[in-house]
Amino acid sequence: MNVIEIYARPACGYCELAKELLRRRRMAYSEYDVTADRSRMSEMLDRSGGHMSLPQIFIGGRHVGGYMELAELDRRGALNALVAA
């Protein structure tokens, strides 16, 4: 099973939506607060190719984007396959 990582910040609506979607699907994830640990912001920028919006989500080390991209993967039925790969 691929690891899900979310770079987020507190009080971020899209971050909360992404985490709620994953909780509903019973998918575990690691969350990195980019405000609590500033080195996480640099790490996120490096890994995402400079994307600054939050959240930034990675599955199995692959950058999938933010909440909208995650929701689209789920809508298409591709999220389970990507996590299970």
PDB file of N, CA and C in Angstrom:
ATOM      1  N   MET A   1       0.846  -1.182   0.000  1.00  0.00           N
ATOM      2  CA  MET A   1       0.000   0.000   0.000  1.00  0.00           C
ATOM      3  C   MET A   1       0.890   1.245   0.000  1.00  0.00           C
ATOM      4  N   ASN A   2       0.585   2.184  -0.863  1.00  0.00           N
ATOM      5  CA  ASN A   2       1.357   3.418  -0.959  1.00  0.00           C
ATOM      6  C   ASN A   2       1.028   4.371   0.186  1.00  0.00           C
ATOM      7  N   VAL A   3       2.034   5.072   0.644  1.00  0.00           N
ATOM      8  CA  VAL A   3       1.895   6.049   1.714  1.00  0.00           C
ATOM      9  C   VAL A   3       1.284   7.330   1.149  1.00  0.00           C
ATOM     10  N   ILE A   4       0.339   7.905   1.899  1.00  0.00           N
ATOM     11  CA  ILE A   4      -0.271   9.184   1.530  1.00  0.00           C
ATOM     12  C   ILE A   4       0.314  10.253   2.443  1.00  0.00           C
ATOM     13  N   GLU A   5       0.805  11.335   1.834  1.00  0.00           N
ATOM     14  CA  GLU A   5       1.367  12.458   2.584  1.00  0.00           C
ATOM     15  C   GLU A   5       0.640  13.732   2.184  1.00  0.00           C
ATOM     16  N   ILE A   6       0.300  14.539   3.197  1.00  0.00           N
ATOM     17  CA  ILE A   6      -0.396  15.797   2.950  1.00  0.00           C
ATOM     18  C   ILE A   6       0.374  16.925   3.619  1.00  0.00           C
ATOM     19  N   TYR A   7       0.755  17.906   2.831  1.00  0.00           N
ATOM     20  CA  TYR A   7       1.331  19.143   3.361  1.00  0.00           C
ATOM     21  C   TYR A   7       0.168  20.105   3.537  1.00  0.00           C
ATOM     22  N   ALA A   8      -0.001  20.607   4.758  1.00  0.00           N
ATOM     23  CA  ALA A   8      -1.195  21.389   5.084  1.00  0.00           C
ATOM     24  C   ALA A   8      -0.860  22.482   6.100  1.00  0.00           C
ATOM     25  N   ARG A   9      -1.885  23.238   6.454  1.00  0.00           N
ATOM     26  CA  ARG A   9      -1.772  24.216   7.533  1.00  0.00           C
ATOM     27  C   ARG A   9      -3.100  24.235   8.275  1.00  0.00           C
ATOM     28  N   PRO A  10      -3.097  24.679   9.531  1.00  0.00           N
ATOM     29  CA  PRO A  10      -4.342  24.773  10.288  1.00  0.00           C
ATOM     30  C   PRO A  10      -5.301  25.773   9.640  1.00  0.00           C
ATOM     31  N   ALA A  11      -6.583  25.551   9.831  1.00  0.00           N
ATOM     32  CA  ALA A  11      -7.639  26.439   9.345  1.00  0.00           C
ATOM     33  C   ALA A  11      -7.643  26.581   7.823  1.00  0.00           C
ATOM     34  N   CYS A  12      -7.246  25.538   7.137  1.00  0.00           N
ATOM     35  CA  CYS A  12      -7.245  25.515   5.673  1.00  0.00           C
ATOM     36  C   CYS A  12      -8.435  24.663   5.236  1.00  0.00           C
ATOM     37  N   GLY A  13      -9.412  25.282   4.621  1.00  0.00           N
ATOM     38  CA  GLY A  13     -10.624  24.569   4.224  1.00  0.00           C
ATOM     39  C   GLY A  13     -10.367  23.403   3.288  1.00  0.00           C
ATOM     40  N   TYR A  14      -9.553  23.618   2.256  1.00  0.00           N
ATOM     41  CA  TYR A  14      -9.266  22.534   1.320  1.00  0.00           C
ATOM     42  C   TYR A  14      -8.441  21.425   1.974  1.00  0.00           C
ATOM     43  N   CYS A  15      -7.583  21.797   2.912  1.00  0.00           N
ATOM     44  CA  CYS A  15      -6.816  20.778   3.653  1.00  0.00           C
ATOM     45  C   CYS A  15      -7.778  19.885   4.432  1.00  0.00           C
ATOM     46  N   GLU A  16      -8.745  20.507   5.095  1.00  0.00           N
ATOM     47  CA  GLU A  16      -9.721  19.742   5.874  1.00  0.00           C
ATOM     48  C   GLU A  16     -10.573  18.854   4.971  1.00  0.00           C
ATOM     49  N   LEU A  17     -10.960  19.365   3.805  1.00  0.00           N
ATOM     50  CA  LEU A  17     -11.737  18.557   2.867  1.00  0.00           C
ATOM     51  C   LEU A  17     -10.951  17.333   2.403  1.00  0.00           C
ATOM     52  N   ALA A  18      -9.675  17.531   2.104  1.00  0.00           N
ATOM     53  CA  ALA A  18      -8.835  16.408   1.658  1.00  0.00           C
ATOM     54  C   ALA A  18      -8.720  15.354   2.758  1.00  0.00           C
ATOM     55  N   LYS A  19      -8.479  15.797   3.978  1.00  0.00           N
ATOM     56  CA  LYS A  19      -8.338  14.850   5.084  1.00  0.00           C
ATOM     57  C   LYS A  19      -9.657  14.129   5.359  1.00  0.00           C
ATOM     58  N   GLU A  20     -10.763  14.846   5.251  1.00  0.00           N
ATOM     59  CA  GLU A  20     -12.072  14.227   5.462  1.00  0.00           C
ATOM     60  C   GLU A  20     -12.366  13.184   4.384  1.00  0.00           C
ATOM     61  N   LEU A  21     -12.033  13.474   3.141  1.00  0.00           N
ATOM     62  CA  LEU A  21     -12.223  12.513   2.064  1.00  0.00           C
ATOM     63  C   LEU A  21     -11.443  11.232   2.362  1.00  0.00           C
ATOM     64  N   LEU A  22     -10.195  11.384   2.783  1.00  0.00           N
ATOM     65  CA  LEU A  22      -9.367  10.215   3.093  1.00  0.00           C
ATOM     66  C   LEU A  22      -9.896   9.450   4.302  1.00  0.00           C
ATOM     67  N   ARG A  23     -10.370  10.181   5.311  1.00  0.00           N
ATOM     68  CA  ARG A  23     -10.954   9.511   6.487  1.00  0.00           C
ATOM     69  C   ARG A  23     -12.201   8.715   6.084  1.00  0.00           C
ATOM     70  N   ARG A  24     -13.045   9.297   5.235  1.00  0.00           N
ATOM     71  CA  ARG A  24     -14.250   8.592   4.780  1.00  0.00           C
ATOM     72  C   ARG A  24     -13.896   7.321   4.023  1.00  0.00           C
ATOM     73  N   ARG A  25     -12.776   7.350   3.314  1.00  0.00           N
ATOM     74  CA  ARG A  25     -12.330   6.174   2.552  1.00  0.00           C
ATOM     75  C   ARG A  25     -11.477   5.232   3.407  1.00  0.00           C
ATOM     76  N   ARG A  26     -11.303   5.595   4.676  1.00  0.00           N
ATOM     77  CA  ARG A  26     -10.500   4.809   5.622  1.00  0.00           C
ATOM     78  C   ARG A  26      -9.064   4.628   5.142  1.00  0.00           C
ATOM     79  N   MET A  27      -8.508   5.732   4.633  1.00  0.00           N
ATOM     80  CA  MET A  27      -7.129   5.736   4.144  1.00  0.00           C
ATOM     81  C   MET A  27      -6.266   6.541   5.115  1.00  0.00           C
ATOM     82  N   ALA A  28      -5.247   5.888   5.636  1.00  0.00           N
ATOM     83  CA  ALA A  28      -4.337   6.553   6.565  1.00  0.00           C
ATOM     84  C   ALA A  28      -3.423   7.504   5.796  1.00  0.00           C
ATOM     85  N   TYR A  29      -3.030   8.578   6.455  1.00  0.00           N
ATOM     86  CA  TYR A  29      -2.137   9.556   5.832  1.00  0.00           C
ATOM     87  C   TYR A  29      -1.240  10.188   6.887  1.00  0.00           C
ATOM     88  N   SER A  30      -0.128  10.714   6.420  1.00  0.00           N
ATOM     89  CA  SER A  30       0.768  11.508   7.271  1.00  0.00           C
ATOM     90  C   SER A  30       0.561  12.956   6.898  1.00  0.00           C
ATOM     91  N   GLU A  31       0.430  13.799   7.910  1.00  0.00           N
ATOM     92  CA  GLU A  31       0.207  15.228   7.679  1.00  0.00           C
ATOM     93  C   GLU A  31       1.420  16.021   8.137  1.00  0.00           C
ATOM     94  N   TYR A  32       1.852  16.940   7.297  1.00  0.00           N
ATOM     95  CA  TYR A  32       2.967  17.818   7.628  1.00  0.00           C
ATOM     96  C   TYR A  32       2.458  19.247   7.676  1.00  0.00           C
ATOM     97  N   ASP A  33       2.540  19.863   8.848  1.00  0.00           N
ATOM     98  CA  ASP A  33       2.092  21.246   9.033  1.00  0.00           C
ATOM     99  C   ASP A  33       3.216  22.183   8.595  1.00  0.00           C
ATOM    100  N   VAL A  34       3.003  22.878   7.491  1.00  0.00           N
ATOM    101  CA  VAL A  34       4.051  23.745   6.946  1.00  0.00           C
ATOM    102  C   VAL A  34       4.232  25.016   7.758  1.00  0.00           C
ATOM    103  N   THR A  35       3.295  25.322   8.664  1.00  0.00           N
ATOM    104  CA  THR A  35       3.460  26.503   9.516  1.00  0.00           C
ATOM    105  C   THR A  35       4.208  26.167  10.800  1.00  0.00           C
ATOM    106  N   ALA A  36       4.075  24.948  11.277  1.00  0.00           N
ATOM    107  CA  ALA A  36       4.754  24.540  12.506  1.00  0.00           C
ATOM    108  C   ALA A  36       6.231  24.230  12.258  1.00  0.00           C
ATOM    109  N   ASP A  37       6.533  23.757  11.062  1.00  0.00           N
ATOM    110  CA  ASP A  37       7.908  23.390  10.709  1.00  0.00           C
ATOM    111  C   ASP A  37       8.199  23.986   9.336  1.00  0.00           C
ATOM    112  N   ARG A  38       8.872  25.123   9.310  1.00  0.00           N
ATOM    113  CA  ARG A  38       9.113  25.848   8.056  1.00  0.00           C
ATOM    114  C   ARG A  38       9.934  25.031   7.054  1.00  0.00           C
ATOM    115  N   SER A  39      10.731  24.088   7.528  1.00  0.00           N
ATOM    116  CA  SER A  39      11.488  23.262   6.589  1.00  0.00           C
ATOM    117  C   SER A  39      10.548  22.403   5.745  1.00  0.00           C
ATOM    118  N   ARG A  40       9.347  22.126   6.270  1.00  0.00           N
ATOM    119  CA  ARG A  40       8.362  21.349   5.509  1.00  0.00           C
ATOM    120  C   ARG A  40       7.873  22.126   4.284  1.00  0.00           C
ATOM    121  N   MET A  41       7.806  23.464   4.402  1.00  0.00           N
ATOM    122  CA  MET A  41       7.389  24.280   3.255  1.00  0.00           C
ATOM    123  C   MET A  41       8.412  24.154   2.128  1.00  0.00           C
ATOM    124  N   SER A  42       9.690  24.245   2.454  1.00  0.00           N
ATOM    125  CA  SER A  42      10.736  24.088   1.438  1.00  0.00           C
ATOM    126  C   SER A  42      10.689  22.705   0.826  1.00  0.00           C
ATOM    127  N   GLU A  43      10.506  21.707   1.662  1.00  0.00           N
ATOM    128  CA  GLU A  43      10.402  20.327   1.194  1.00  0.00           C
ATOM    129  C   GLU A  43       9.221  20.175   0.231  1.00  0.00           C
ATOM    130  N   MET A  44       8.075  20.755   0.606  1.00  0.00           N
ATOM    131  CA  MET A  44       6.885  20.683  -0.234  1.00  0.00           C
ATOM    132  C   MET A  44       7.125  21.351  -1.587  1.00  0.00           C
ATOM    133  N   LEU A  45       7.740  22.518  -1.571  1.00  0.00           N
ATOM    134  CA  LEU A  45       8.012  23.236  -2.816  1.00  0.00           C
ATOM    135  C   LEU A  45       8.936  22.433  -3.723  1.00  0.00           C
ATOM    136  N   ASP A  46       9.955  21.824  -3.134  1.00  0.00           N
ATOM    137  CA  ASP A  46      10.877  20.991  -3.918  1.00  0.00           C
ATOM    138  C   ASP A  46      10.152  19.800  -4.540  1.00  0.00           C
ATOM    139  N   ARG A  47       9.362  19.124  -3.727  1.00  0.00           N
ATOM    140  CA  ARG A  47       8.694  17.903  -4.187  1.00  0.00           C
ATOM    141  C   ARG A  47       7.580  18.173  -5.191  1.00  0.00           C
ATOM    142  N   SER A  48       6.915  19.325  -5.049  1.00  0.00           N
ATOM    143  CA  SER A  48       5.749  19.614  -5.893  1.00  0.00           C
ATOM    144  C   SER A  48       6.097  20.413  -7.137  1.00  0.00           C
ATOM    145  N   GLY A  49       7.360  20.738  -7.312  1.00  0.00           N
ATOM    146  CA  GLY A  49       7.738  21.537  -8.469  1.00  0.00           C
ATOM    147  C   GLY A  49       7.379  22.999  -8.311  1.00  0.00           C
ATOM    148  N   GLY A  50       7.321  23.468  -7.062  1.00  0.00           N
ATOM    149  CA  GLY A  50       7.067  24.875  -6.797  1.00  0.00           C
ATOM    150  C   GLY A  50       5.625  25.241  -6.502  1.00  0.00           C
ATOM    151  N   HIS A  51       4.733  24.276  -6.429  1.00  0.00           N
ATOM    152  CA  HIS A  51       3.330  24.569  -6.112  1.00  0.00           C
ATOM    153  C   HIS A  51       3.226  25.058  -4.669  1.00  0.00           C
ATOM    154  N   MET A  52       2.606  26.223  -4.497  1.00  0.00           N
ATOM    155  CA  MET A  52       2.527  26.835  -3.170  1.00  0.00           C
ATOM    156  C   MET A  52       1.161  26.686  -2.512  1.00  0.00           C
ATOM    157  N   SER A  53       0.134  26.337  -3.270  1.00  0.00           N
ATOM    158  CA  SER A  53      -1.197  26.224  -2.680  1.00  0.00           C
ATOM    159  C   SER A  53      -1.257  25.008  -1.758  1.00  0.00           C
ATOM    160  N   LEU A  54      -2.177  25.065  -0.824  1.00  0.00           N
ATOM    161  CA  LEU A  54      -2.337  23.972   0.133  1.00  0.00           C
ATOM    162  C   LEU A  54      -3.736  23.404   0.012  1.00  0.00           C
ATOM    163  N   PRO A  55      -3.861  22.106   0.208  1.00  0.00           N
ATOM    164  CA  PRO A  55      -2.805  21.157   0.517  1.00  0.00           C
ATOM    165  C   PRO A  55      -2.049  20.733  -0.745  1.00  0.00           C
ATOM    166  N   GLN A  56      -0.911  20.132  -0.540  1.00  0.00           N
ATOM    167  CA  GLN A  56      -0.196  19.422  -1.598  1.00  0.00           C
ATOM    168  C   GLN A  56      -0.150  17.967  -1.141  1.00  0.00           C
ATOM    169  N   ILE A  57      -0.581  17.075  -2.026  1.00  0.00           N
ATOM    170  CA  ILE A  57      -0.778  15.674  -1.659  1.00  0.00           C
ATOM    171  C   ILE A  57       0.104  14.779  -2.520  1.00  0.00           C
ATOM    172  N   PHE A  58       0.706  13.804  -1.858  1.00  0.00           N
ATOM    173  CA  PHE A  58       1.575  12.826  -2.515  1.00  0.00           C
ATOM    174  C   PHE A  58       1.084  11.435  -2.139  1.00  0.00           C
ATOM    175  N   ILE A  59       1.059  10.553  -3.115  1.00  0.00           N
ATOM    176  CA  ILE A  59       0.692   9.159  -2.871  1.00  0.00           C
ATOM    177  C   ILE A  59       1.796   8.293  -3.453  1.00  0.00           C
ATOM    178  N   GLY A  60       2.423   7.520  -2.588  1.00  0.00           N
ATOM    179  CA  GLY A  60       3.543   6.694  -3.017  1.00  0.00           C
ATOM    180  C   GLY A  60       4.681   7.521  -3.581  1.00  0.00           C
ATOM    181  N   GLY A  61       4.866   8.721  -3.050  1.00  0.00           N
ATOM    182  CA  GLY A  61       5.921   9.614  -3.514  1.00  0.00           C
ATOM    183  C   GLY A  61       5.561  10.400  -4.762  1.00  0.00           C
ATOM    184  N   ARG A  62       4.425  10.091  -5.365  1.00  0.00           N
ATOM    185  CA  ARG A  62       3.979  10.777  -6.585  1.00  0.00           C
ATOM    186  C   ARG A  62       3.117  11.980  -6.219  1.00  0.00           C
ATOM    187  N   HIS A  63       3.416  13.117  -6.794  1.00  0.00           N
ATOM    188  CA  HIS A  63       2.636  14.327  -6.552  1.00  0.00           C
ATOM    189  C   HIS A  63       1.314  14.227  -7.303  1.00  0.00           C
ATOM    190  N   VAL A  64       0.203  14.277  -6.554  1.00  0.00           N
ATOM    191  CA  VAL A  64      -1.105  14.211  -7.207  1.00  0.00           C
ATOM    192  C   VAL A  64      -1.785  15.567  -7.258  1.00  0.00           C
ATOM    193  N   GLY A  65      -1.277  16.560  -6.533  1.00  0.00           N
ATOM    194  CA  GLY A  65      -1.861  17.895  -6.548  1.00  0.00           C
ATOM    195  C   GLY A  65      -2.520  18.228  -5.230  1.00  0.00           C
ATOM    196  N   GLY A  66      -3.619  18.985  -5.320  1.00  0.00           N
ATOM    197  CA  GLY A  66      -4.340  19.425  -4.136  1.00  0.00           C
ATOM    198  C   GLY A  66      -5.649  18.675  -3.959  1.00  0.00           C
ATOM    199  N   TYR A  67      -6.552  19.296  -3.210  1.00  0.00           N
ATOM    200  CA  TYR A  67      -7.826  18.655  -2.914  1.00  0.00           C
ATOM    201  C   TYR A  67      -8.619  18.346  -4.180  1.00  0.00           C
ATOM    202  N   MET A  68      -8.694  19.290  -5.101  1.00  0.00           N
ATOM    203  CA  MET A  68      -9.504  19.097  -6.305  1.00  0.00           C
ATOM    204  C   MET A  68      -9.021  17.883  -7.109  1.00  0.00           C
ATOM    205  N   GLU A  69      -7.719  17.725  -7.225  1.00  0.00           N
ATOM    206  CA  GLU A  69      -7.167  16.576  -7.940  1.00  0.00           C
ATOM    207  C   GLU A  69      -7.441  15.271  -7.186  1.00  0.00           C
ATOM    208  N   LEU A  70      -7.331  15.324  -5.862  1.00  0.00           N
ATOM    209  CA  LEU A  70      -7.628  14.148  -5.040  1.00  0.00           C
ATOM    210  C   LEU A  70      -9.093  13.754  -5.204  1.00  0.00           C
ATOM    211  N   ALA A  71      -9.989  14.732  -5.147  1.00  0.00           N
ATOM    212  CA  ALA A  71     -11.418  14.462  -5.300  1.00  0.00           C
ATOM    213  C   ALA A  71     -11.720  13.898  -6.683  1.00  0.00           C
ATOM    214  N   GLU A  72     -11.046  14.392  -7.709  1.00  0.00           N
ATOM    215  CA  GLU A  72     -11.245  13.882  -9.061  1.00  0.00           C
ATOM    216  C   GLU A  72     -10.779  12.424  -9.173  1.00  0.00           C
ATOM    217  N   LEU A  73      -9.637  12.117  -8.568  1.00  0.00           N
ATOM    218  CA  LEU A  73      -9.175  10.721  -8.548  1.00  0.00           C
ATOM    219  C   LEU A  73     -10.225   9.830  -7.892  1.00  0.00           C
ATOM    220  N   ASP A  74     -10.787  10.300  -6.790  1.00  0.00           N
ATOM    221  CA  ASP A  74     -11.804   9.537  -6.075  1.00  0.00           C
ATOM    222  C   ASP A  74     -13.055   9.392  -6.937  1.00  0.00           C
ATOM    223  N   ARG A  75     -13.486  10.473  -7.574  1.00  0.00           N
ATOM    224  CA  ARG A  75     -14.687  10.451  -8.406  1.00  0.00           C
ATOM    225  C   ARG A  75     -14.555   9.444  -9.548  1.00  0.00           C
ATOM    226  N   ARG A  76     -13.368   9.374 -10.134  1.00  0.00           N
ATOM    227  CA  ARG A  76     -13.108   8.459 -11.254  1.00  0.00           C
ATOM    228  C   ARG A  76     -12.877   7.016 -10.802  1.00  0.00           C
ATOM    229  N   GLY A  77     -12.752   6.806  -9.494  1.00  0.00           N
ATOM    230  CA  GLY A  77     -12.472   5.472  -8.989  1.00  0.00           C
ATOM    231  C   GLY A  77     -11.008   5.096  -9.048  1.00  0.00           C
ATOM    232  N   ALA A  78     -10.147   6.072  -9.290  1.00  0.00           N
ATOM    233  CA  ALA A  78      -8.712   5.799  -9.441  1.00  0.00           C
ATOM    234  C   ALA A  78      -7.946   5.924  -8.124  1.00  0.00           C
ATOM    235  N   LEU A  79      -8.547   6.512  -7.117  1.00  0.00           N
ATOM    236  CA  LEU A  79      -7.841   6.736  -5.850  1.00  0.00           C
ATOM    237  C   LEU A  79      -7.483   5.407  -5.178  1.00  0.00           C
ATOM    238  N   ASN A  80      -8.424   4.510  -5.093  1.00  0.00           N
ATOM    239  CA  ASN A  80      -8.149   3.209  -4.459  1.00  0.00           C
ATOM    240  C   ASN A  80      -7.011   2.474  -5.151  1.00  0.00           C
ATOM    241  N   ALA A  81      -7.037   2.480  -6.472  1.00  0.00           N
ATOM    242  CA  ALA A  81      -5.975   1.788  -7.235  1.00  0.00           C
ATOM    243  C   ALA A  81      -4.616   2.428  -7.009  1.00  0.00           C
ATOM    244  N   LEU A  82      -4.583   3.750  -6.957  1.00  0.00           N
ATOM    245  CA  LEU A  82      -3.318   4.453  -6.763  1.00  0.00           C
ATOM    246  C   LEU A  82      -2.745   4.162  -5.383  1.00  0.00           C
ATOM    247  N   VAL A  83      -3.602   4.132  -4.376  1.00  0.00           N
ATOM    248  CA  VAL A  83      -3.145   3.857  -3.013  1.00  0.00           C
ATOM    249  C   VAL A  83      -2.728   2.388  -2.875  1.00  0.00           C
ATOM    250  N   ALA A  84      -3.447   1.500  -3.518  1.00  0.00           N
ATOM    251  CA  ALA A  84      -3.173   0.073  -3.393  1.00  0.00           C
ATOM    252  C   ALA A  84      -1.955  -0.373  -4.211  1.00  0.00           C
ATOM    253  N   ALA A  85      -1.579   0.410  -5.208  1.00  0.00           N
ATOM    254  CA  ALA A  85      -0.480   0.004  -6.108  1.00  0.00           C
ATOM    255  C   ALA A  85       0.806  -0.256  -5.369  1.00  0.00           C
TER     256      ALA A  85
END
